[in-house]
Each structure stands twice: as structure tokens, then as C-alpha cells.
Amino acid sequence: MVQSYLNMNNSDMSDLKLRQRLAKELRRLRKKAKLTQEQAAEKAGISHRYYCLLESDKPTRSAKIEILEKLSKALDKCFLNF
């Protein structure tokens, strides 16, 4: 895993930073709403496992626009403005 980070180009690093920023914002909003990860996932209509991957400290998955829309509704936040 460390080796893969060393081999990342600028585009890959930008993508990783964006995913990390989204993960941090998801975590903040979920806690503000006093929801568990499981409750936030259920409210958004996505699996708990997928939600955990999006909110992890080292996110390995990117969220599709449709998922961001569901999360926006579930957490009352427009992610286009974060």
C-alpha cells in the first residue's frame, strides 16, 4: 500500500485528497446529525459497508454522483458546496 502511494501521479494525489475531504465532511455531518454509520447508510439507501469505505481515513472508493445525491438528502447537505 505504501508503495502504491509513492507511485501516484499528481492527478491520483488530487483524487485522493478529494476523497479524503469528502470522508472528513461525511464524518462531520453524520456526527452533527447524531447518526451512526449504519443509520446514515440506511437513510441514504446504501450499504453500511460502502458507507464505511467512503468515510474511512484512507478512502479507496470514489462516490458516484447518484450516491452523493442520496447522501446529500440523508445528511441535509449539498456536497457541491463543501
Protein backbone atom coordinates (compact mmCIF):
# COMPACT_ATOMS: atom_id res chain seq x y z
CA MET A 1 0.00 0.00 0.00
CA VAL A 2 2.78 2.47 0.87
CA GLN A 3 4.47 1.67 -2.43
CA SER A 4 1.28 2.49 -4.32
CA TYR A 5 1.17 5.94 -2.69
CA LEU A 6 4.77 6.54 -3.74
CA ASN A 7 3.93 5.77 -7.35
CA MET A 8 0.96 8.16 -7.56
CA ASN A 9 1.00 10.98 -10.09
CA ASN A 10 -0.41 14.47 -9.38
CA SER A 11 -3.86 13.53 -10.69
CA ASP A 12 -4.01 10.49 -8.42
CA MET A 13 -2.94 12.61 -5.43
CA SER A 14 -5.63 15.21 -6.21
CA ASP A 15 -8.23 12.44 -6.40
CA LEU A 16 -7.06 11.02 -3.08
CA LYS A 17 -7.20 14.45 -1.42
CA LEU A 18 -10.74 14.98 -2.71
CA ARG A 19 -11.83 11.57 -1.38
CA GLN A 20 -10.21 12.37 1.98
CA ARG A 21 -12.00 15.71 2.10
CA LEU A 22 -15.32 14.03 1.32
CA ALA A 23 -14.67 11.39 4.01
CA LYS A 24 -13.95 14.07 6.60
CA GLU A 25 -17.08 16.02 5.64
CA LEU A 26 -19.26 12.89 5.72
CA ARG A 27 -17.97 12.05 9.19
CA ARG A 28 -18.55 15.60 10.44
CA LEU A 29 -22.10 15.79 9.08
CA ARG A 30 -23.03 12.34 10.32
CA LYS A 31 -21.86 13.17 13.83
CA LYS A 32 -23.65 16.53 13.71
CA ALA A 33 -26.85 14.65 12.82
CA LYS A 34 -26.13 12.23 15.70
CA LEU A 35 -26.26 9.22 13.39
CA THR A 36 -24.20 6.05 13.40
CA GLN A 37 -22.57 4.99 10.14
CA GLU A 38 -25.19 2.30 9.81
CA GLN A 39 -28.04 4.79 10.32
CA ALA A 40 -26.55 7.25 7.80
CA ALA A 41 -26.14 4.46 5.25
CA GLU A 42 -29.68 3.23 5.78
CA LYS A 43 -31.08 6.76 5.49
CA ALA A 44 -29.17 7.22 2.21
CA GLY A 45 -30.25 3.81 0.89
CA ILE A 46 -26.72 2.44 0.53
CA SER A 47 -24.95 -0.44 2.21
CA HIS A 48 -23.24 0.06 5.55
CA ARG A 49 -20.02 -1.39 4.12
CA TYR A 50 -19.99 1.05 1.20
CA TYR A 51 -20.66 3.98 3.52
CA CYS A 52 -17.77 2.91 5.77
CA LEU A 53 -15.45 2.82 2.75
CA LEU A 54 -16.46 6.37 1.80
CA GLU A 55 -15.92 7.68 5.32
CA SER A 56 -12.68 5.82 6.05
CA ASP A 57 -9.40 7.60 6.85
CA LYS A 58 -7.86 6.17 3.68
CA PRO A 59 -10.78 6.12 1.26
CA THR A 60 -10.27 3.69 -1.57
CA ARG A 61 -13.61 4.25 -3.27
CA SER A 62 -14.96 7.27 -5.07
CA ALA A 63 -18.63 8.08 -4.72
CA LYS A 64 -20.76 8.26 -7.82
CA ILE A 65 -22.88 11.37 -8.32
CA GLU A 66 -26.03 9.34 -7.58
CA ILE A 67 -24.58 8.29 -4.22
CA LEU A 68 -23.60 11.88 -3.39
CA GLU A 69 -27.18 12.92 -4.12
CA LYS A 70 -28.51 10.26 -1.74
CA LEU A 71 -26.01 11.27 0.95
CA SER A 72 -26.87 14.93 0.45
CA LYS A 73 -30.52 14.21 1.15
CA ALA A 74 -29.78 11.90 4.07
CA LEU A 75 -27.41 14.39 5.76
CA ASP A 76 -29.14 17.60 4.61
CA LYS A 77 -26.03 18.90 2.86
CA CYS A 78 -25.18 19.77 -0.74
CA PHE A 79 -21.75 18.29 -1.40
CA LEU A 80 -21.16 20.54 -4.38
CA ASN A 81 -20.52 23.36 -1.90
CA PHE A 82 -18.19 21.61 0.55
